[in-house]
Amino acid sequence: MSRRSRAREVVLQVLYQEDLNPDALQSVTDDFLTSRLRGDAELIAFARSLLAGVRSQAASLDTLLEEHTENWQLSRMAATDRNVLRLAAFEILHADTPGPVVIDEAVELARRFGTRQSSRFVNGVLDRVLRESLK
């Protein structure tokens, strides 16, 4: 697993925790990032930038994702799938990582942490998001 893949995995875990417990303390998040990323300052900065981006863009990301999911509401999705989609959509729209790489990373996260159908679902939704972002 690459270093950035590891950081994305940790970000997903934080987003999942926050989704289930919105009152989580920032200090707990900071401690979690530091311990899981073994104090690697570059990776911690990357993870924090992803977290800050997803948090600040949450409403617009959710609207975008609901536009690209057929017959699905984000609130009815598995928390893992919802947060993989949020993270990847943010990266597709706002980061310097190429879209296909972001989708591959998201599919791997969905495969690792989601259900048997998660990876296909995530791939399909993000493919639509990427195609729209390139217009």
C-alpha atoms as a PDB file:
ATOM      1  CA  MET A   1       0.000   0.000   0.000  1.00  0.00           C
ATOM      2  CA  SER A   2       1.397   3.400  -0.976  1.00  0.00           C
ATOM      3  CA  ARG A   3       1.862   6.146   1.576  1.00  0.00           C
ATOM      4  CA  ARG A   4      -0.987   8.240   0.177  1.00  0.00           C
ATOM      5  CA  SER A   5      -3.221   5.168   0.034  1.00  0.00           C
ATOM      6  CA  ARG A   6      -2.546   4.686   3.721  1.00  0.00           C
ATOM      7  CA  ALA A   7      -3.441   8.330   4.406  1.00  0.00           C
ATOM      8  CA  ARG A   8      -6.705   7.968   2.462  1.00  0.00           C
ATOM      9  CA  GLU A   9      -7.557   4.875   4.488  1.00  0.00           C
ATOM     10  CA  VAL A  10      -7.027   6.776   7.730  1.00  0.00           C
ATOM     11  CA  VAL A  11      -9.082   9.730   6.442  1.00  0.00           C
ATOM     12  CA  LEU A  12     -11.895   7.323   5.579  1.00  0.00           C
ATOM     13  CA  GLN A  13     -11.763   5.935   9.114  1.00  0.00           C
ATOM     14  CA  VAL A  14     -11.992   9.450  10.574  1.00  0.00           C
ATOM     15  CA  LEU A  15     -14.893  10.393   8.284  1.00  0.00           C
ATOM     16  CA  TYR A  16     -16.673   7.172   9.220  1.00  0.00           C
ATOM     17  CA  GLN A  17     -16.179   7.870  12.934  1.00  0.00           C
ATOM     18  CA  GLU A  18     -17.445  11.433  12.538  1.00  0.00           C
ATOM     19  CA  ASP A  19     -20.432  10.222  10.529  1.00  0.00           C
ATOM     20  CA  LEU A  20     -21.448   7.914  13.362  1.00  0.00           C
ATOM     21  CA  ASN A  21     -20.417  10.304  16.155  1.00  0.00           C
ATOM     22  CA  PRO A  22     -20.653  13.919  14.960  1.00  0.00           C
ATOM     23  CA  ASP A  23     -19.641  15.193  18.400  1.00  0.00           C
ATOM     24  CA  ALA A  24     -16.154  13.673  18.230  1.00  0.00           C
ATOM     25  CA  LEU A  25     -13.451  15.967  19.559  1.00  0.00           C
ATOM     26  CA  GLN A  26     -10.856  17.411  17.185  1.00  0.00           C
ATOM     27  CA  SER A  27      -8.088  16.372  19.592  1.00  0.00           C
ATOM     28  CA  VAL A  28      -9.170  12.740  19.220  1.00  0.00           C
ATOM     29  CA  THR A  29      -8.980  13.090  15.433  1.00  0.00           C
ATOM     30  CA  ASP A  30      -5.520  14.654  15.639  1.00  0.00           C
ATOM     31  CA  ASP A  31      -4.264  11.892  17.931  1.00  0.00           C
ATOM     32  CA  PHE A  32      -5.741   9.244  15.625  1.00  0.00           C
ATOM     33  CA  LEU A  33      -4.065  10.747  12.542  1.00  0.00           C
ATOM     34  CA  THR A  34      -0.719  11.023  14.288  1.00  0.00           C
ATOM     35  CA  SER A  35      -0.767   7.482  15.631  1.00  0.00           C
ATOM     36  CA  ARG A  36      -2.119   5.814  12.474  1.00  0.00           C
ATOM     37  CA  LEU A  37       0.257   7.711  10.182  1.00  0.00           C
ATOM     38  CA  ARG A  38       3.176   7.141  12.545  1.00  0.00           C
ATOM     39  CA  GLY A  39       3.996  10.809  12.939  1.00  0.00           C
ATOM     40  CA  ASP A  40       4.798  11.258   9.214  1.00  0.00           C
ATOM     41  CA  ALA A  41       4.352  15.039   8.922  1.00  0.00           C
ATOM     42  CA  GLU A  42       3.853  14.999   5.138  1.00  0.00           C
ATOM     43  CA  LEU A  43       1.148  12.338   5.307  1.00  0.00           C
ATOM     44  CA  ILE A  44      -0.549  13.975   8.266  1.00  0.00           C
ATOM     45  CA  ALA A  45      -0.671  17.259   6.321  1.00  0.00           C
ATOM     46  CA  PHE A  46      -2.115  15.433   3.286  1.00  0.00           C
ATOM     47  CA  ALA A  47      -4.723  13.707   5.465  1.00  0.00           C
ATOM     48  CA  ARG A  48      -5.657  16.966   7.192  1.00  0.00           C
ATOM     49  CA  SER A  49      -6.088  18.717   3.850  1.00  0.00           C
ATOM     50  CA  LEU A  50      -8.426  15.955   2.660  1.00  0.00           C
ATOM     51  CA  LEU A  51     -10.404  16.055   5.900  1.00  0.00           C
ATOM     52  CA  ALA A  52     -10.690  19.835   5.849  1.00  0.00           C
ATOM     53  CA  GLY A  53     -11.798  19.759   2.230  1.00  0.00           C
ATOM     54  CA  VAL A  54     -14.432  17.087   2.707  1.00  0.00           C
ATOM     55  CA  ARG A  55     -15.729  18.791   5.834  1.00  0.00           C
ATOM     56  CA  SER A  56     -15.934  22.245   4.269  1.00  0.00           C
ATOM     57  CA  GLN A  57     -17.513  20.965   1.046  1.00  0.00           C
ATOM     58  CA  ALA A  58     -19.792  18.358   2.652  1.00  0.00           C
ATOM     59  CA  ALA A  59     -23.098  19.881   1.556  1.00  0.00           C
ATOM     60  CA  SER A  60     -22.035  20.445  -2.045  1.00  0.00           C
ATOM     61  CA  LEU A  61     -20.386  17.010  -2.241  1.00  0.00           C
ATOM     62  CA  ASP A  62     -23.549  15.361  -0.947  1.00  0.00           C
ATOM     63  CA  THR A  63     -25.675  17.234  -3.485  1.00  0.00           C
ATOM     64  CA  LEU A  64     -23.330  16.228  -6.299  1.00  0.00           C
ATOM     65  CA  LEU A  65     -23.292  12.589  -5.225  1.00  0.00           C
ATOM     66  CA  GLU A  66     -27.068  12.404  -4.939  1.00  0.00           C
ATOM     67  CA  GLU A  67     -27.289  13.738  -8.501  1.00  0.00           C
ATOM     68  CA  HIS A  68     -25.111  10.837  -9.661  1.00  0.00           C
ATOM     69  CA  THR A  69     -26.711   8.002  -7.718  1.00  0.00           C
ATOM     70  CA  GLU A  70     -29.780   6.517  -9.248  1.00  0.00           C
ATOM     71  CA  ASN A  71     -32.552   5.715  -6.779  1.00  0.00           C
ATOM     72  CA  TRP A  72     -30.249   6.249  -3.790  1.00  0.00           C
ATOM     73  CA  GLN A  73     -30.189   8.828  -1.045  1.00  0.00           C
ATOM     74  CA  LEU A  74     -26.914   9.318   0.789  1.00  0.00           C
ATOM     75  CA  SER A  75     -28.697   8.926   4.106  1.00  0.00           C
ATOM     76  CA  ARG A  76     -29.732   5.385   3.113  1.00  0.00           C
ATOM     77  CA  MET A  77     -26.277   4.276   1.958  1.00  0.00           C
ATOM     78  CA  ALA A  78     -23.864   2.356   4.102  1.00  0.00           C
ATOM     79  CA  ALA A  79     -21.710   4.845   6.016  1.00  0.00           C
ATOM     80  CA  THR A  80     -18.571   3.366   4.493  1.00  0.00           C
ATOM     81  CA  ASP A  81     -19.801   3.825   0.915  1.00  0.00           C
ATOM     82  CA  ARG A  82     -21.051   7.332   1.649  1.00  0.00           C
ATOM     83  CA  ASN A  83     -17.698   8.427   3.036  1.00  0.00           C
ATOM     84  CA  VAL A  84     -15.622   6.746   0.327  1.00  0.00           C
ATOM     85  CA  LEU A  85     -17.723   8.655  -2.206  1.00  0.00           C
ATOM     86  CA  ARG A  86     -17.346  11.966  -0.365  1.00  0.00           C
ATOM     87  CA  LEU A  87     -13.589  11.593  -0.073  1.00  0.00           C
ATOM     88  CA  ALA A  88     -13.094  10.590  -3.697  1.00  0.00           C
ATOM     89  CA  ALA A  89     -15.483  13.212  -5.073  1.00  0.00           C
ATOM     90  CA  PHE A  90     -13.563  15.889  -3.184  1.00  0.00           C
ATOM     91  CA  GLU A  91     -10.281  14.641  -4.634  1.00  0.00           C
ATOM     92  CA  ILE A  92     -11.676  14.461  -8.169  1.00  0.00           C
ATOM     93  CA  LEU A  93     -12.918  18.038  -7.967  1.00  0.00           C
ATOM     94  CA  HIS A  94     -10.251  19.752  -5.883  1.00  0.00           C
ATOM     95  CA  ALA A  95      -6.992  17.795  -5.702  1.00  0.00           C
ATOM     96  CA  ASP A  96      -4.101  17.317  -8.081  1.00  0.00           C
ATOM     97  CA  THR A  97      -4.444  13.536  -8.197  1.00  0.00           C
ATOM     98  CA  PRO A  98      -5.607  12.265 -11.613  1.00  0.00           C
ATOM     99  CA  GLY A  99      -9.258  11.185 -11.625  1.00  0.00           C
ATOM    100  CA  PRO A 100      -8.626   7.557 -12.640  1.00  0.00           C
ATOM    101  CA  VAL A 101      -6.144   7.190  -9.766  1.00  0.00           C
ATOM    102  CA  VAL A 102      -8.685   8.616  -7.318  1.00  0.00           C
ATOM    103  CA  ILE A 103     -11.312   6.169  -8.567  1.00  0.00           C
ATOM    104  CA  ASP A 104      -8.924   3.201  -8.276  1.00  0.00           C
ATOM    105  CA  GLU A 105      -8.055   4.219  -4.718  1.00  0.00           C
ATOM    106  CA  ALA A 106     -11.734   4.620  -3.814  1.00  0.00           C
ATOM    107  CA  VAL A 107     -12.640   1.245  -5.308  1.00  0.00           C
ATOM    108  CA  GLU A 108      -9.903  -0.380  -3.224  1.00  0.00           C
ATOM    109  CA  LEU A 109     -11.197   1.314  -0.064  1.00  0.00           C
ATOM    110  CA  ALA A 110     -14.737   0.200  -0.887  1.00  0.00           C
ATOM    111  CA  ARG A 111     -13.526  -3.338  -1.524  1.00  0.00           C
ATOM    112  CA  ARG A 112     -11.599  -3.381   1.734  1.00  0.00           C
ATOM    113  CA  PHE A 113     -14.169  -1.774   4.031  1.00  0.00           C
ATOM    114  CA  GLY A 114     -17.524  -2.054   2.273  1.00  0.00           C
ATOM    115  CA  THR A 115     -19.899  -4.773   1.194  1.00  0.00           C
ATOM    116  CA  ARG A 116     -19.487  -7.145  -1.740  1.00  0.00           C
ATOM    117  CA  GLN A 117     -21.302  -4.679  -4.005  1.00  0.00           C
ATOM    118  CA  SER A 118     -19.570  -1.536  -2.735  1.00  0.00           C
ATOM    119  CA  SER A 119     -16.654  -1.469  -5.147  1.00  0.00           C
ATOM    120  CA  ARG A 120     -18.867  -1.671  -8.245  1.00  0.00           C
ATOM    121  CA  PHE A 121     -21.276   0.917  -6.862  1.00  0.00           C
ATOM    122  CA  VAL A 122     -18.476   3.335  -5.945  1.00  0.00           C
ATOM    123  CA  ASN A 123     -16.804   2.852  -9.324  1.00  0.00           C
ATOM    124  CA  GLY A 124     -20.011   3.644 -11.220  1.00  0.00           C
ATOM    125  CA  VAL A 125     -20.870   6.755  -9.228  1.00  0.00           C
ATOM    126  CA  LEU A 126     -17.357   8.173  -9.356  1.00  0.00           C
ATOM    127  CA  ASP A 127     -17.046   7.485 -13.064  1.00  0.00           C
ATOM    128  CA  ARG A 128     -20.111   9.687 -13.605  1.00  0.00           C
ATOM    129  CA  VAL A 129     -18.688  12.379 -11.304  1.00  0.00           C
ATOM    130  CA  LEU A 130     -15.371  12.325 -13.173  1.00  0.00           C
ATOM    131  CA  ARG A 131     -17.004  12.508 -16.604  1.00  0.00           C
ATOM    132  CA  GLU A 132     -19.084  15.497 -15.514  1.00  0.00           C
ATOM    133  CA  SER A 133     -16.047  17.238 -14.016  1.00  0.00           C
ATOM    134  CA  LEU A 134     -14.213  16.978 -17.344  1.00  0.00           C
ATOM    135  CA  LYS A 135     -16.979  18.745 -19.307  1.00  0.00           C
END
